[in-house]
Amino acid sequence: VDPRKFQIDLLLRRLSVISLTVVKEATQALVESNPSLAKDAISREDEADRMYLLALRLLVSAQRTKQVAEEIGLKDQLHVLYFGLMLRYLEMISDYGEEIARRVIELLEKYEDKIPSWVIERVEKLNDLAHDLILKSVSCFFTGDIKIANSMLEVLSVIELERDKIMKKLPEIPHLRLILWNINRIADNGASIALIAINNSLERKNNICSRQFNKIHK
């Protein structure tokens, strides 16, 4: 892999878009009773895997060679760890999205007429919350907005509470509980990215304060 052709931040953003699309298509397949959308999501997950492996190879090279790290946009070795973790979380999000898609296909084949409309509506809303959580958490890593990143941790609590409420009323139809579980795992990974964003922002502020202190006391 020629590192001069890639910037790690762009690869991360691209992977986040692909992973979120996998999840969105998988859930939309349930909303629209459209198994073709679920199959699209499954195919797209392969693209997420390829993107993840490419980014991972670059990070390994960056760990070994400082020049490679600089070429792909990594100025701090700590960022190698942060990017590695975020890439893994995003890849796992696409895996959970693929699992939702596979469950939706089975659900539509056997139980399409038995799924209450309120279940589909609340699953869609829950997924939208998880989607927003991930989108904003990734953005916060680059903007350094701790306030928004912290609010994403609160969104995770809202998602978990709503999931529990739905679970209590859910009819005994196979796959529905597993779909909800996967959405919750997706949100949980998004919250982990928010935590990385918070740590990165605090680290950045500490470095700025240290430089200012050293400048004043020279």
C-alpha atoms as a PDB file:
ATOM      1  CA  VAL A   1       0.000   0.000   0.000  1.00  0.00           C
ATOM      2  CA  ASP A   2       1.396   3.392  -1.007  1.00  0.00           C
ATOM      3  CA  PRO A   3       0.673   5.644   2.024  1.00  0.00           C
ATOM      4  CA  ARG A   4       1.022   8.778  -0.106  1.00  0.00           C
ATOM      5  CA  LYS A   5      -2.304   7.925  -1.757  1.00  0.00           C
ATOM      6  CA  PHE A   6      -4.267   7.878   1.500  1.00  0.00           C
ATOM      7  CA  GLN A   7      -5.101  10.054   4.492  1.00  0.00           C
ATOM      8  CA  ILE A   8      -6.184   8.101   7.548  1.00  0.00           C
ATOM      9  CA  ASP A   9      -8.849  10.631   8.548  1.00  0.00           C
ATOM     10  CA  LEU A  10     -10.521  10.317   5.125  1.00  0.00           C
ATOM     11  CA  LEU A  11     -10.455   6.525   5.362  1.00  0.00           C
ATOM     12  CA  LEU A  12     -12.083   6.718   8.795  1.00  0.00           C
ATOM     13  CA  ARG A  13     -14.799   9.048   7.531  1.00  0.00           C
ATOM     14  CA  ARG A  14     -15.369   6.813   4.511  1.00  0.00           C
ATOM     15  CA  LEU A  15     -15.669   3.723   6.701  1.00  0.00           C
ATOM     16  CA  SER A  16     -18.169   5.514   8.941  1.00  0.00           C
ATOM     17  CA  VAL A  17     -20.320   6.358   5.896  1.00  0.00           C
ATOM     18  CA  ILE A  18     -20.228   2.763   4.620  1.00  0.00           C
ATOM     19  CA  SER A  19     -20.974   1.254   8.040  1.00  0.00           C
ATOM     20  CA  LEU A  20     -23.877   3.609   8.664  1.00  0.00           C
ATOM     21  CA  THR A  21     -25.265   2.848   5.204  1.00  0.00           C
ATOM     22  CA  VAL A  22     -25.165  -0.889   5.963  1.00  0.00           C
ATOM     23  CA  VAL A  23     -27.146  -0.320   9.159  1.00  0.00           C
ATOM     24  CA  LYS A  24     -29.579   2.104   7.512  1.00  0.00           C
ATOM     25  CA  GLU A  25     -30.320  -0.227   4.596  1.00  0.00           C
ATOM     26  CA  ALA A  26     -30.765  -3.204   6.912  1.00  0.00           C
ATOM     27  CA  THR A  27     -33.328  -1.391   9.054  1.00  0.00           C
ATOM     28  CA  GLN A  28     -35.018   0.252   6.075  1.00  0.00           C
ATOM     29  CA  ALA A  29     -35.502  -3.225   4.616  1.00  0.00           C
ATOM     30  CA  LEU A  30     -37.696  -4.024   7.623  1.00  0.00           C
ATOM     31  CA  VAL A  31     -39.569  -0.717   7.416  1.00  0.00           C
ATOM     32  CA  GLU A  32     -40.312  -1.153   3.695  1.00  0.00           C
ATOM     33  CA  SER A  33     -40.661  -4.967   3.795  1.00  0.00           C
ATOM     34  CA  ASN A  34     -37.963  -5.035   1.127  1.00  0.00           C
ATOM     35  CA  PRO A  35     -35.511  -7.971   1.329  1.00  0.00           C
ATOM     36  CA  SER A  36     -33.543  -6.557  -1.628  1.00  0.00           C
ATOM     37  CA  LEU A  37     -32.405  -3.672   0.573  1.00  0.00           C
ATOM     38  CA  ALA A  38     -31.213  -6.152   3.182  1.00  0.00           C
ATOM     39  CA  LYS A  39     -29.232  -8.006   0.508  1.00  0.00           C
ATOM     40  CA  ASP A  40     -27.671  -4.686  -0.556  1.00  0.00           C
ATOM     41  CA  ALA A  41     -26.611  -4.113   3.049  1.00  0.00           C
ATOM     42  CA  ILE A  42     -24.970  -7.541   3.213  1.00  0.00           C
ATOM     43  CA  SER A  43     -23.034  -6.864  -0.009  1.00  0.00           C
ATOM     44  CA  ARG A  44     -21.963  -3.434   1.218  1.00  0.00           C
ATOM     45  CA  GLU A  45     -20.528  -4.920   4.404  1.00  0.00           C
ATOM     46  CA  ASP A  46     -17.787  -6.514   2.290  1.00  0.00           C
ATOM     47  CA  GLU A  47     -16.769  -3.006   1.229  1.00  0.00           C
ATOM     48  CA  ALA A  48     -16.550  -1.992   4.892  1.00  0.00           C
ATOM     49  CA  ASP A  49     -14.259  -4.967   5.577  1.00  0.00           C
ATOM     50  CA  ARG A  50     -11.944  -4.000   2.707  1.00  0.00           C
ATOM     51  CA  MET A  51     -11.786  -0.385   3.875  1.00  0.00           C
ATOM     52  CA  TYR A  52     -11.043  -1.489   7.438  1.00  0.00           C
ATOM     53  CA  LEU A  53      -8.216  -3.822   6.370  1.00  0.00           C
ATOM     54  CA  LEU A  54      -6.659  -1.122   4.179  1.00  0.00           C
ATOM     55  CA  ALA A  55      -6.716   1.401   7.030  1.00  0.00           C
ATOM     56  CA  LEU A  56      -5.354  -1.192   9.449  1.00  0.00           C
ATOM     57  CA  ARG A  57      -2.396  -1.949   7.178  1.00  0.00           C
ATOM     58  CA  LEU A  58      -1.607   1.746   7.013  1.00  0.00           C
ATOM     59  CA  LEU A  59      -1.720   2.049  10.802  1.00  0.00           C
ATOM     60  CA  VAL A  60       0.645  -0.902  11.213  1.00  0.00           C
ATOM     61  CA  SER A  61       3.057   0.772   8.775  1.00  0.00           C
ATOM     62  CA  ALA A  62       2.680   4.058  10.665  1.00  0.00           C
ATOM     63  CA  GLN A  63       3.640   2.349  13.921  1.00  0.00           C
ATOM     64  CA  ARG A  64       6.819   1.042  12.330  1.00  0.00           C
ATOM     65  CA  THR A  65       7.855   4.127  10.369  1.00  0.00           C
ATOM     66  CA  LYS A  66       7.519   7.750  11.425  1.00  0.00           C
ATOM     67  CA  GLN A  67       7.614   8.907   7.794  1.00  0.00           C
ATOM     68  CA  VAL A  68       4.575   6.778   6.940  1.00  0.00           C
ATOM     69  CA  ALA A  69       2.743   8.168   9.980  1.00  0.00           C
ATOM     70  CA  GLU A  70       3.366  11.719   8.764  1.00  0.00           C
ATOM     71  CA  GLU A  71       2.370  10.862   5.180  1.00  0.00           C
ATOM     72  CA  ILE A  72      -1.042   9.525   6.216  1.00  0.00           C
ATOM     73  CA  GLY A  73      -1.674  12.452   8.577  1.00  0.00           C
ATOM     74  CA  LEU A  74      -0.660  11.050  11.975  1.00  0.00           C
ATOM     75  CA  LYS A  75       1.477  13.478  13.954  1.00  0.00           C
ATOM     76  CA  ASP A  76       0.974  11.860  17.352  1.00  0.00           C
ATOM     77  CA  GLN A  77       1.609   8.172  18.134  1.00  0.00           C
ATOM     78  CA  LEU A  78      -1.385   8.245  20.478  1.00  0.00           C
ATOM     79  CA  HIS A  79      -3.549   8.830  17.403  1.00  0.00           C
ATOM     80  CA  VAL A  80      -2.434   5.475  16.018  1.00  0.00           C
ATOM     81  CA  LEU A  81      -4.210   3.898  18.998  1.00  0.00           C
ATOM     82  CA  TYR A  82      -7.263   6.167  18.712  1.00  0.00           C
ATOM     83  CA  PHE A  83      -7.697   5.590  14.981  1.00  0.00           C
ATOM     84  CA  GLY A  84      -7.157   1.849  15.411  1.00  0.00           C
ATOM     85  CA  LEU A  85      -9.905   1.659  18.027  1.00  0.00           C
ATOM     86  CA  MET A  86     -12.354   3.809  16.061  1.00  0.00           C
ATOM     87  CA  LEU A  87     -11.784   1.826  12.881  1.00  0.00           C
ATOM     88  CA  ARG A  88     -12.481  -1.379  14.805  1.00  0.00           C
ATOM     89  CA  TYR A  89     -15.672   0.034  16.317  1.00  0.00           C
ATOM     90  CA  LEU A  90     -16.899   1.142  12.883  1.00  0.00           C
ATOM     91  CA  GLU A  91     -16.097  -2.244  11.364  1.00  0.00           C
ATOM     92  CA  MET A  92     -18.049  -3.924  14.171  1.00  0.00           C
ATOM     93  CA  ILE A  93     -20.962  -1.561  13.513  1.00  0.00           C
ATOM     94  CA  SER A  94     -21.070  -2.785   9.911  1.00  0.00           C
ATOM     95  CA  ASP A  95     -20.964  -6.393  11.212  1.00  0.00           C
ATOM     96  CA  TYR A  96     -23.970  -5.733  13.443  1.00  0.00           C
ATOM     97  CA  GLY A  97     -25.716  -4.079  10.499  1.00  0.00           C
ATOM     98  CA  GLU A  98     -25.108  -7.179   8.389  1.00  0.00           C
ATOM     99  CA  GLU A  99     -26.536  -9.351  11.162  1.00  0.00           C
ATOM    100  CA  ILE A 100     -29.674  -7.157  11.248  1.00  0.00           C
ATOM    101  CA  ALA A 101     -29.997  -7.529   7.466  1.00  0.00           C
ATOM    102  CA  ARG A 102     -29.795 -11.331   7.663  1.00  0.00           C
ATOM    103  CA  ARG A 103     -32.397 -11.433  10.436  1.00  0.00           C
ATOM    104  CA  VAL A 104     -34.701  -9.102   8.493  1.00  0.00           C
ATOM    105  CA  ILE A 105     -34.579 -11.402   5.452  1.00  0.00           C
ATOM    106  CA  GLU A 106     -35.604 -14.389   7.585  1.00  0.00           C
ATOM    107  CA  LEU A 107     -38.235 -12.319   9.367  1.00  0.00           C
ATOM    108  CA  LEU A 108     -39.854 -11.137   6.135  1.00  0.00           C
ATOM    109  CA  GLU A 109     -39.853 -14.642   4.675  1.00  0.00           C
ATOM    110  CA  LYS A 110     -41.842 -16.197   7.522  1.00  0.00           C
ATOM    111  CA  TYR A 111     -43.453 -13.526   9.701  1.00  0.00           C
ATOM    112  CA  GLU A 112     -43.998 -10.405   7.588  1.00  0.00           C
ATOM    113  CA  ASP A 113     -47.765 -10.300   8.219  1.00  0.00           C
ATOM    114  CA  LYS A 114     -47.351 -10.858  11.963  1.00  0.00           C
ATOM    115  CA  ILE A 115     -45.106  -7.894  12.790  1.00  0.00           C
ATOM    116  CA  PRO A 116     -47.130  -5.075  14.436  1.00  0.00           C
ATOM    117  CA  SER A 117     -46.662  -1.650  12.841  1.00  0.00           C
ATOM    118  CA  TRP A 118     -45.762  -0.095  16.225  1.00  0.00           C
ATOM    119  CA  VAL A 119     -42.769  -2.440  16.493  1.00  0.00           C
ATOM    120  CA  ILE A 120     -41.430  -1.388  13.091  1.00  0.00           C
ATOM    121  CA  GLU A 121     -41.936   2.306  13.894  1.00  0.00           C
ATOM    122  CA  ARG A 122     -40.098   2.099  17.220  1.00  0.00           C
ATOM    123  CA  VAL A 123     -37.273  -0.007  15.801  1.00  0.00           C
ATOM    124  CA  GLU A 124     -36.814   2.610  13.082  1.00  0.00           C
ATOM    125  CA  LYS A 125     -36.719   5.453  15.635  1.00  0.00           C
ATOM    126  CA  LEU A 126     -34.251   3.537  17.787  1.00  0.00           C
ATOM    127  CA  ASN A 127     -32.016   2.957  14.792  1.00  0.00           C
ATOM    128  CA  ASP A 128     -32.211   6.651  13.854  1.00  0.00           C
ATOM    129  CA  LEU A 129     -30.985   7.553  17.351  1.00  0.00           C
ATOM    130  CA  ALA A 130     -28.075   5.118  17.026  1.00  0.00           C
ATOM    131  CA  HIS A 131     -27.253   6.498  13.562  1.00  0.00           C
ATOM    132  CA  ASP A 132     -27.164  10.063  14.893  1.00  0.00           C
ATOM    133  CA  LEU A 133     -25.037   8.997  17.866  1.00  0.00           C
ATOM    134  CA  ILE A 134     -22.352   7.482  15.628  1.00  0.00           C
ATOM    135  CA  LEU A 135     -22.382  10.334  13.118  1.00  0.00           C
ATOM    136  CA  LYS A 136     -21.909  12.980  15.806  1.00  0.00           C
ATOM    137  CA  SER A 137     -19.356  10.953  17.776  1.00  0.00           C
ATOM    138  CA  VAL A 138     -17.093  10.603  14.728  1.00  0.00           C
ATOM    139  CA  SER A 139     -17.504  14.306  13.984  1.00  0.00           C
ATOM    140  CA  CYS A 140     -16.605  15.201  17.589  1.00  0.00           C
ATOM    141  CA  PHE A 141     -13.269  13.426  17.266  1.00  0.00           C
ATOM    142  CA  PHE A 142     -12.271  15.917  14.585  1.00  0.00           C
ATOM    143  CA  THR A 143     -13.970  19.032  15.996  1.00  0.00           C
ATOM    144  CA  GLY A 144     -13.012  18.400  19.636  1.00  0.00           C
ATOM    145  CA  ASP A 145     -16.523  19.289  20.842  1.00  0.00           C
ATOM    146  CA  ILE A 146     -16.603  17.685  24.299  1.00  0.00           C
ATOM    147  CA  LYS A 147     -20.111  18.954  25.069  1.00  0.00           C
ATOM    148  CA  ILE A 148     -21.672  17.154  22.100  1.00  0.00           C
ATOM    149  CA  ALA A 149     -19.554  14.044  22.706  1.00  0.00           C
ATOM    150  CA  ASN A 150     -20.782  13.901  26.315  1.00  0.00           C
ATOM    151  CA  SER A 151     -24.373  14.309  25.162  1.00  0.00           C
ATOM    152  CA  MET A 152     -23.899  11.227  22.948  1.00  0.00           C
ATOM    153  CA  LEU A 153     -23.238   9.170  26.078  1.00  0.00           C
ATOM    154  CA  GLU A 154     -26.624  10.344  27.344  1.00  0.00           C
ATOM    155  CA  VAL A 155     -28.201   9.299  24.033  1.00  0.00           C
ATOM    156  CA  LEU A 156     -26.891   5.777  24.639  1.00  0.00           C
ATOM    157  CA  SER A 157     -28.775   5.706  27.953  1.00  0.00           C
ATOM    158  CA  VAL A 158     -31.945   6.819  26.155  1.00  0.00           C
ATOM    159  CA  ILE A 159     -31.504   4.058  23.567  1.00  0.00           C
ATOM    160  CA  GLU A 160     -30.997   1.400  26.247  1.00  0.00           C
ATOM    161  CA  LEU A 161     -34.075   2.576  28.138  1.00  0.00           C
ATOM    162  CA  GLU A 162     -36.213   2.568  24.990  1.00  0.00           C
ATOM    163  CA  ARG A 163     -34.904  -0.863  23.999  1.00  0.00           C
ATOM    164  CA  ASP A 164     -35.953  -2.268  27.386  1.00  0.00           C
ATOM    165  CA  LYS A 165     -39.437  -0.758  27.013  1.00  0.00           C
ATOM    166  CA  ILE A 166     -39.874  -2.304  23.564  1.00  0.00           C
ATOM    167  CA  MET A 167     -38.572  -5.683  24.762  1.00  0.00           C
ATOM    168  CA  LYS A 168     -41.246  -5.874  27.460  1.00  0.00           C
ATOM    169  CA  LYS A 169     -44.067  -5.447  24.922  1.00  0.00           C
ATOM    170  CA  LEU A 170     -42.508  -7.361  22.043  1.00  0.00           C
ATOM    171  CA  PRO A 171     -44.568 -10.236  20.587  1.00  0.00           C
ATOM    172  CA  GLU A 172     -42.976 -13.701  20.497  1.00  0.00           C
ATOM    173  CA  ILE A 173     -41.706 -13.445  16.938  1.00  0.00           C
ATOM    174  CA  PRO A 174     -38.235 -14.835  16.142  1.00  0.00           C
ATOM    175  CA  HIS A 175     -35.416 -12.405  15.256  1.00  0.00           C
ATOM    176  CA  LEU A 176     -37.026  -9.212  16.634  1.00  0.00           C
ATOM    177  CA  ARG A 177     -35.145  -9.319  19.930  1.00  0.00           C
ATOM    178  CA  LEU A 178     -31.879 -10.010  18.156  1.00  0.00           C
ATOM    179  CA  ILE A 179     -32.452  -7.034  15.850  1.00  0.00           C
ATOM    180  CA  LEU A 180     -32.960  -4.805  18.892  1.00  0.00           C
ATOM    181  CA  TRP A 181     -29.868  -6.270  20.550  1.00  0.00           C
ATOM    182  CA  ASN A 182     -27.788  -5.470  17.465  1.00  0.00           C
ATOM    183  CA  ILE A 183     -29.055  -1.885  17.352  1.00  0.00           C
ATOM    184  CA  ASN A 184     -28.065  -1.507  20.990  1.00  0.00           C
ATOM    185  CA  ARG A 185     -24.573  -2.874  20.256  1.00  0.00           C
ATOM    186  CA  ILE A 186     -24.281  -0.427  17.358  1.00  0.00           C
ATOM    187  CA  ALA A 187     -25.130   2.453  19.704  1.00  0.00           C
ATOM    188  CA  ASP A 188     -22.697   1.117  22.307  1.00  0.00           C
ATOM    189  CA  ASN A 189     -19.863   1.189  19.775  1.00  0.00           C
ATOM    190  CA  GLY A 190     -20.856   4.731  18.828  1.00  0.00           C
ATOM    191  CA  ALA A 191     -20.617   5.754  22.479  1.00  0.00           C
ATOM    192  CA  SER A 192     -17.136   4.214  22.639  1.00  0.00           C
ATOM    193  CA  ILE A 193     -16.134   6.508  19.768  1.00  0.00           C
ATOM    194  CA  ALA A 194     -17.587   9.451  21.718  1.00  0.00           C
ATOM    195  CA  LEU A 195     -15.344   8.527  24.671  1.00  0.00           C
ATOM    196  CA  ILE A 196     -12.312   8.495  22.378  1.00  0.00           C
ATOM    197  CA  ALA A 197     -13.351  11.916  21.069  1.00  0.00           C
ATOM    198  CA  ILE A 198     -13.512  13.224  24.652  1.00  0.00           C
ATOM    199  CA  ASN A 199     -10.099  11.784  25.553  1.00  0.00           C
ATOM    200  CA  ASN A 200      -8.557  13.144  22.360  1.00  0.00           C
ATOM    201  CA  SER A 201      -9.941  16.622  23.005  1.00  0.00           C
ATOM    202  CA  LEU A 202      -8.713  16.649  26.616  1.00  0.00           C
ATOM    203  CA  GLU A 203      -5.282  15.450  25.480  1.00  0.00           C
ATOM    204  CA  ARG A 204      -5.147  18.212  22.882  1.00  0.00           C
ATOM    205  CA  LYS A 205      -6.059  20.865  25.457  1.00  0.00           C
ATOM    206  CA  ASN A 206      -3.444  19.548  27.893  1.00  0.00           C
ATOM    207  CA  ASN A 207      -0.778  19.749  25.196  1.00  0.00           C
ATOM    208  CA  ILE A 208      -1.755  23.335  24.353  1.00  0.00           C
ATOM    209  CA  CYS A 209      -1.635  24.309  28.042  1.00  0.00           C
ATOM    210  CA  SER A 210       1.782  22.655  28.431  1.00  0.00           C
ATOM    211  CA  ARG A 211       3.190  24.531  25.441  1.00  0.00           C
ATOM    212  CA  GLN A 212       1.817  27.839  26.729  1.00  0.00           C
ATOM    213  CA  PHE A 213       3.238  27.161  30.207  1.00  0.00           C
ATOM    214  CA  ASN A 214       6.665  26.339  28.782  1.00  0.00           C
ATOM    215  CA  LYS A 215       6.590  29.453  26.595  1.00  0.00           C
ATOM    216  CA  ILE A 216       5.756  31.718  29.551  1.00  0.00           C
ATOM    217  CA  HIS A 217       8.408  30.196  31.815  1.00  0.00           C
ATOM    218  CA  LYS A 218      11.304  30.156  29.356  1.00  0.00           C
END
